[in-house]
Amino acid sequence: MEYSIRNCEITDLPKLLVLIEKHAEFEKAEFSPEGKEDGLKNALFGQNPKLFCLVVATNETIVGYTSYTFDFSTWNAQNFLYMDCLFLEEETRGFGIGEILIERLKEIGKQNNCVNIQWQTPEFNTRAIKFYNRMGAKGKDKVRFTLTL
């Protein structure tokens, strides 16, 4: 499979939204695409980007993405990179692309003086958990809460 990994471009947004919807469906989460393209456009390409995104591109389209932010750890008193999403189309899994994406995020984290990379995945996503363990990541048992405003 021929692909490249590059920064997300504005022209990727419609397809990125499709991938995000598939990701939400995979994680059994509710998702509505309404207003999301504008929100992503502002977060990724606004004057002060809040979100960053790498895409896995083939000649025709994008087949995966990872999005991330930078945050601050009170306990470490240092910045960390937060991987918000990592998703690959089913047919692109198993080729080592996820590992390359994580390696790219490690480079970005180091360049930005981050102490670590943090993320989460649902307990039922056993394939991802095995992958992350294989990459040397350590899981922590926590419960994530969401409070709607």
C-alpha atoms as a PDB file:
ATOM      1  CA  MET A   1       0.000   0.000   0.000  1.00  0.00           C
ATOM      2  CA  GLU A   2       1.405   3.362  -1.029  1.00  0.00           C
ATOM      3  CA  TYR A   3       0.713   6.280   1.271  1.00  0.00           C
ATOM      4  CA  SER A   4       2.278   9.348   2.806  1.00  0.00           C
ATOM      5  CA  ILE A   5       1.844  10.997   6.177  1.00  0.00           C
ATOM      6  CA  ARG A   6       1.437  14.745   6.081  1.00  0.00           C
ATOM      7  CA  ASN A   7      -0.194  17.627   7.898  1.00  0.00           C
ATOM      8  CA  CYS A   8      -3.911  17.956   7.325  1.00  0.00           C
ATOM      9  CA  GLU A   9      -4.857  20.497   4.659  1.00  0.00           C
ATOM     10  CA  ILE A  10      -8.070  22.495   4.350  1.00  0.00           C
ATOM     11  CA  THR A  11      -9.070  20.428   1.307  1.00  0.00           C
ATOM     12  CA  ASP A  12      -8.935  17.280   3.514  1.00  0.00           C
ATOM     13  CA  LEU A  13     -11.709  18.520   5.819  1.00  0.00           C
ATOM     14  CA  PRO A  14     -14.718  16.891   4.078  1.00  0.00           C
ATOM     15  CA  LYS A  15     -13.027  13.459   4.059  1.00  0.00           C
ATOM     16  CA  LEU A  16     -11.589  14.011   7.555  1.00  0.00           C
ATOM     17  CA  LEU A  17     -15.141  14.546   8.774  1.00  0.00           C
ATOM     18  CA  VAL A  18     -16.147  11.188   7.247  1.00  0.00           C
ATOM     19  CA  LEU A  19     -13.237   9.490   9.051  1.00  0.00           C
ATOM     20  CA  ILE A  20     -14.160  11.198  12.323  1.00  0.00           C
ATOM     21  CA  GLU A  21     -17.730   9.969  11.976  1.00  0.00           C
ATOM     22  CA  LYS A  22     -16.478   6.405  11.330  1.00  0.00           C
ATOM     23  CA  HIS A  23     -14.199   6.700  14.364  1.00  0.00           C
ATOM     24  CA  ALA A  24     -17.082   7.838  16.580  1.00  0.00           C
ATOM     25  CA  GLU A  25     -19.222   4.970  15.277  1.00  0.00           C
ATOM     26  CA  PHE A  26     -16.385   2.498  15.982  1.00  0.00           C
ATOM     27  CA  GLU A  27     -16.179   3.801  19.560  1.00  0.00           C
ATOM     28  CA  LYS A  28     -19.978   3.579  19.934  1.00  0.00           C
ATOM     29  CA  ALA A  29     -20.202   7.339  20.477  1.00  0.00           C
ATOM     30  CA  GLU A  30     -22.886   9.739  19.323  1.00  0.00           C
ATOM     31  CA  PHE A  31     -21.807  12.073  16.539  1.00  0.00           C
ATOM     32  CA  SER A  32     -23.438  14.712  14.408  1.00  0.00           C
ATOM     33  CA  PRO A  33     -21.425  16.266  11.567  1.00  0.00           C
ATOM     34  CA  GLU A  34     -23.451  19.479  11.795  1.00  0.00           C
ATOM     35  CA  GLY A  35     -21.180  22.519  12.168  1.00  0.00           C
ATOM     36  CA  LYS A  36     -18.099  20.322  12.647  1.00  0.00           C
ATOM     37  CA  GLU A  37     -16.329  21.274   9.415  1.00  0.00           C
ATOM     38  CA  ASP A  38     -16.292  24.974  10.383  1.00  0.00           C
ATOM     39  CA  GLY A  39     -15.240  24.126  13.929  1.00  0.00           C
ATOM     40  CA  LEU A  40     -12.375  21.969  12.685  1.00  0.00           C
ATOM     41  CA  LYS A  41     -11.369  24.583  10.131  1.00  0.00           C
ATOM     42  CA  ASN A  42     -11.083  27.210  12.882  1.00  0.00           C
ATOM     43  CA  ALA A  43      -9.287  24.881  15.319  1.00  0.00           C
ATOM     44  CA  LEU A  44      -6.787  23.585  12.744  1.00  0.00           C
ATOM     45  CA  PHE A  45      -6.252  26.573  10.462  1.00  0.00           C
ATOM     46  CA  GLY A  46      -7.230  29.626  12.529  1.00  0.00           C
ATOM     47  CA  GLN A  47      -4.812  32.306  13.679  1.00  0.00           C
ATOM     48  CA  ASN A  48      -3.973  30.393  16.885  1.00  0.00           C
ATOM     49  CA  PRO A  49      -4.502  26.686  16.109  1.00  0.00           C
ATOM     50  CA  LYS A  50      -5.880  24.673  19.031  1.00  0.00           C
ATOM     51  CA  LEU A  51      -5.752  21.325  17.235  1.00  0.00           C
ATOM     52  CA  PHE A  52      -3.139  19.666  15.046  1.00  0.00           C
ATOM     53  CA  CYS A  53      -3.678  16.766  12.681  1.00  0.00           C
ATOM     54  CA  LEU A  54      -1.633  14.366  10.584  1.00  0.00           C
ATOM     55  CA  VAL A  55      -3.364  12.447   7.812  1.00  0.00           C
ATOM     56  CA  VAL A  56      -2.509   9.228   6.030  1.00  0.00           C
ATOM     57  CA  ALA A  57      -2.859  10.076   2.348  1.00  0.00           C
ATOM     58  CA  THR A  58      -3.032   7.856  -0.721  1.00  0.00           C
ATOM     59  CA  ASN A  59      -3.093   9.237  -4.268  1.00  0.00           C
ATOM     60  CA  GLU A  60      -6.895   9.413  -4.174  1.00  0.00           C
ATOM     61  CA  THR A  61      -7.876  10.299  -0.615  1.00  0.00           C
ATOM     62  CA  ILE A  62      -7.005  10.160   3.066  1.00  0.00           C
ATOM     63  CA  VAL A  63      -7.428   6.837   4.848  1.00  0.00           C
ATOM     64  CA  GLY A  64      -6.496   7.726   8.410  1.00  0.00           C
ATOM     65  CA  TYR A  65      -5.626  10.490  10.808  1.00  0.00           C
ATOM     66  CA  THR A  66      -4.282  11.354  14.203  1.00  0.00           C
ATOM     67  CA  SER A  67      -5.188  14.589  15.945  1.00  0.00           C
ATOM     68  CA  TYR A  68      -3.441  16.083  18.938  1.00  0.00           C
ATOM     69  CA  THR A  69      -3.164  19.075  21.206  1.00  0.00           C
ATOM     70  CA  PHE A  70      -0.604  20.366  23.653  1.00  0.00           C
ATOM     71  CA  ASP A  71      -1.534  20.544  27.311  1.00  0.00           C
ATOM     72  CA  PHE A  72       0.141  21.104  30.668  1.00  0.00           C
ATOM     73  CA  SER A  73       0.600  18.513  33.400  1.00  0.00           C
ATOM     74  CA  THR A  74       0.224  19.843  36.931  1.00  0.00           C
ATOM     75  CA  TRP A  75       1.957  16.776  38.380  1.00  0.00           C
ATOM     76  CA  ASN A  76       4.935  16.995  36.008  1.00  0.00           C
ATOM     77  CA  ALA A  77       4.927  20.806  35.781  1.00  0.00           C
ATOM     78  CA  GLN A  78       5.636  20.318  32.065  1.00  0.00           C
ATOM     79  CA  ASN A  79       3.833  20.245  28.728  1.00  0.00           C
ATOM     80  CA  PHE A  80       2.552  16.993  27.273  1.00  0.00           C
ATOM     81  CA  LEU A  81       1.151  16.021  23.901  1.00  0.00           C
ATOM     82  CA  TYR A  82      -2.423  14.727  24.079  1.00  0.00           C
ATOM     83  CA  MET A  83      -3.369  12.390  21.226  1.00  0.00           C
ATOM     84  CA  ASP A  84      -7.069  13.029  20.858  1.00  0.00           C
ATOM     85  CA  CYS A  85      -7.710  10.591  18.013  1.00  0.00           C
ATOM     86  CA  LEU A  86      -5.954   7.888  16.037  1.00  0.00           C
ATOM     87  CA  PHE A  87      -8.019   6.168  13.380  1.00  0.00           C
ATOM     88  CA  LEU A  88      -7.285   4.128  10.270  1.00  0.00           C
ATOM     89  CA  GLU A  89      -9.747   2.726   7.747  1.00  0.00           C
ATOM     90  CA  GLU A  90     -10.200  -1.011   8.353  1.00  0.00           C
ATOM     91  CA  GLU A  91      -8.384  -2.030   5.168  1.00  0.00           C
ATOM     92  CA  THR A  92      -5.284  -0.010   6.120  1.00  0.00           C
ATOM     93  CA  ARG A  93      -4.778  -1.631   9.530  1.00  0.00           C
ATOM     94  CA  GLY A  94      -1.978  -4.112  10.069  1.00  0.00           C
ATOM     95  CA  PHE A  95       0.560  -2.400   7.780  1.00  0.00           C
ATOM     96  CA  GLY A  96       2.480  -0.599  10.545  1.00  0.00           C
ATOM     97  CA  ILE A  97       0.940   2.800   9.771  1.00  0.00           C
ATOM     98  CA  GLY A  98      -0.279   3.287  13.350  1.00  0.00           C
ATOM     99  CA  GLU A  99       3.242   2.705  14.624  1.00  0.00           C
ATOM    100  CA  ILE A 100       4.619   5.281  12.191  1.00  0.00           C
ATOM    101  CA  LEU A 101       1.984   7.784  13.348  1.00  0.00           C
ATOM    102  CA  ILE A 102       2.930   7.226  17.008  1.00  0.00           C
ATOM    103  CA  GLU A 103       6.632   7.616  16.132  1.00  0.00           C
ATOM    104  CA  ARG A 104       5.824  10.879  14.339  1.00  0.00           C
ATOM    105  CA  LEU A 105       3.919  12.104  17.414  1.00  0.00           C
ATOM    106  CA  LYS A 106       6.899  11.180  19.610  1.00  0.00           C
ATOM    107  CA  GLU A 107       9.123  13.358  17.406  1.00  0.00           C
ATOM    108  CA  ILE A 108       6.635  16.242  17.559  1.00  0.00           C
ATOM    109  CA  GLY A 109       6.372  15.869  21.343  1.00  0.00           C
ATOM    110  CA  LYS A 110      10.157  15.961  21.763  1.00  0.00           C
ATOM    111  CA  GLN A 111      10.444  19.005  19.471  1.00  0.00           C
ATOM    112  CA  ASN A 112       7.896  20.771  21.684  1.00  0.00           C
ATOM    113  CA  ASN A 113       9.585  19.827  24.988  1.00  0.00           C
ATOM    114  CA  CYS A 114       6.749  17.526  26.047  1.00  0.00           C
ATOM    115  CA  VAL A 115       7.301  15.141  28.959  1.00  0.00           C
ATOM    116  CA  ASN A 116       5.058  12.439  27.441  1.00  0.00           C
ATOM    117  CA  ILE A 117       2.155  11.587  25.165  1.00  0.00           C
ATOM    118  CA  GLN A 118      -1.197  10.775  26.740  1.00  0.00           C
ATOM    119  CA  TRP A 119      -4.379   9.322  25.255  1.00  0.00           C
ATOM    120  CA  GLN A 120      -7.273   7.022  26.002  1.00  0.00           C
ATOM    121  CA  THR A 121      -9.184   4.272  24.284  1.00  0.00           C
ATOM    122  CA  PRO A 122     -12.324   2.352  25.230  1.00  0.00           C
ATOM    123  CA  GLU A 123     -11.808  -0.854  27.237  1.00  0.00           C
ATOM    124  CA  PHE A 124     -13.489  -2.860  24.471  1.00  0.00           C
ATOM    125  CA  ASN A 125     -10.888  -1.766  21.890  1.00  0.00           C
ATOM    126  CA  THR A 126      -8.646  -4.724  22.674  1.00  0.00           C
ATOM    127  CA  ARG A 127      -6.797  -4.564  19.343  1.00  0.00           C
ATOM    128  CA  ALA A 128      -5.716  -0.974  20.043  1.00  0.00           C
ATOM    129  CA  ILE A 129      -4.791  -1.818  23.641  1.00  0.00           C
ATOM    130  CA  LYS A 130      -2.529  -4.667  22.440  1.00  0.00           C
ATOM    131  CA  PHE A 131      -0.985  -2.295  19.879  1.00  0.00           C
ATOM    132  CA  TYR A 132      -0.338   0.440  22.462  1.00  0.00           C
ATOM    133  CA  ASN A 133       1.171  -2.077  24.906  1.00  0.00           C
ATOM    134  CA  ARG A 134       3.423  -3.375  22.118  1.00  0.00           C
ATOM    135  CA  MET A 135       4.569   0.224  21.510  1.00  0.00           C
ATOM    136  CA  GLY A 136       5.678   0.424  25.156  1.00  0.00           C
ATOM    137  CA  ALA A 137       2.777   2.514  26.462  1.00  0.00           C
ATOM    138  CA  LYS A 138       1.431   1.884  29.950  1.00  0.00           C
ATOM    139  CA  GLY A 139      -2.301   1.963  30.647  1.00  0.00           C
ATOM    140  CA  LYS A 140      -3.855   3.521  33.748  1.00  0.00           C
ATOM    141  CA  ASP A 141      -7.216   2.534  35.134  1.00  0.00           C
ATOM    142  CA  LYS A 142      -9.298   5.679  35.277  1.00  0.00           C
ATOM    143  CA  VAL A 143     -12.857   6.603  34.490  1.00  0.00           C
ATOM    144  CA  ARG A 144     -13.338   9.509  32.108  1.00  0.00           C
ATOM    145  CA  PHE A 145     -16.274  11.793  32.860  1.00  0.00           C
ATOM    146  CA  THR A 146     -18.068  14.255  30.627  1.00  0.00           C
ATOM    147  CA  LEU A 147     -20.232  17.042  32.023  1.00  0.00           C
ATOM    148  CA  THR A 148     -22.380  18.665  29.378  1.00  0.00           C
ATOM    149  CA  LEU A 149     -22.520  22.463  29.515  1.00  0.00           C
END
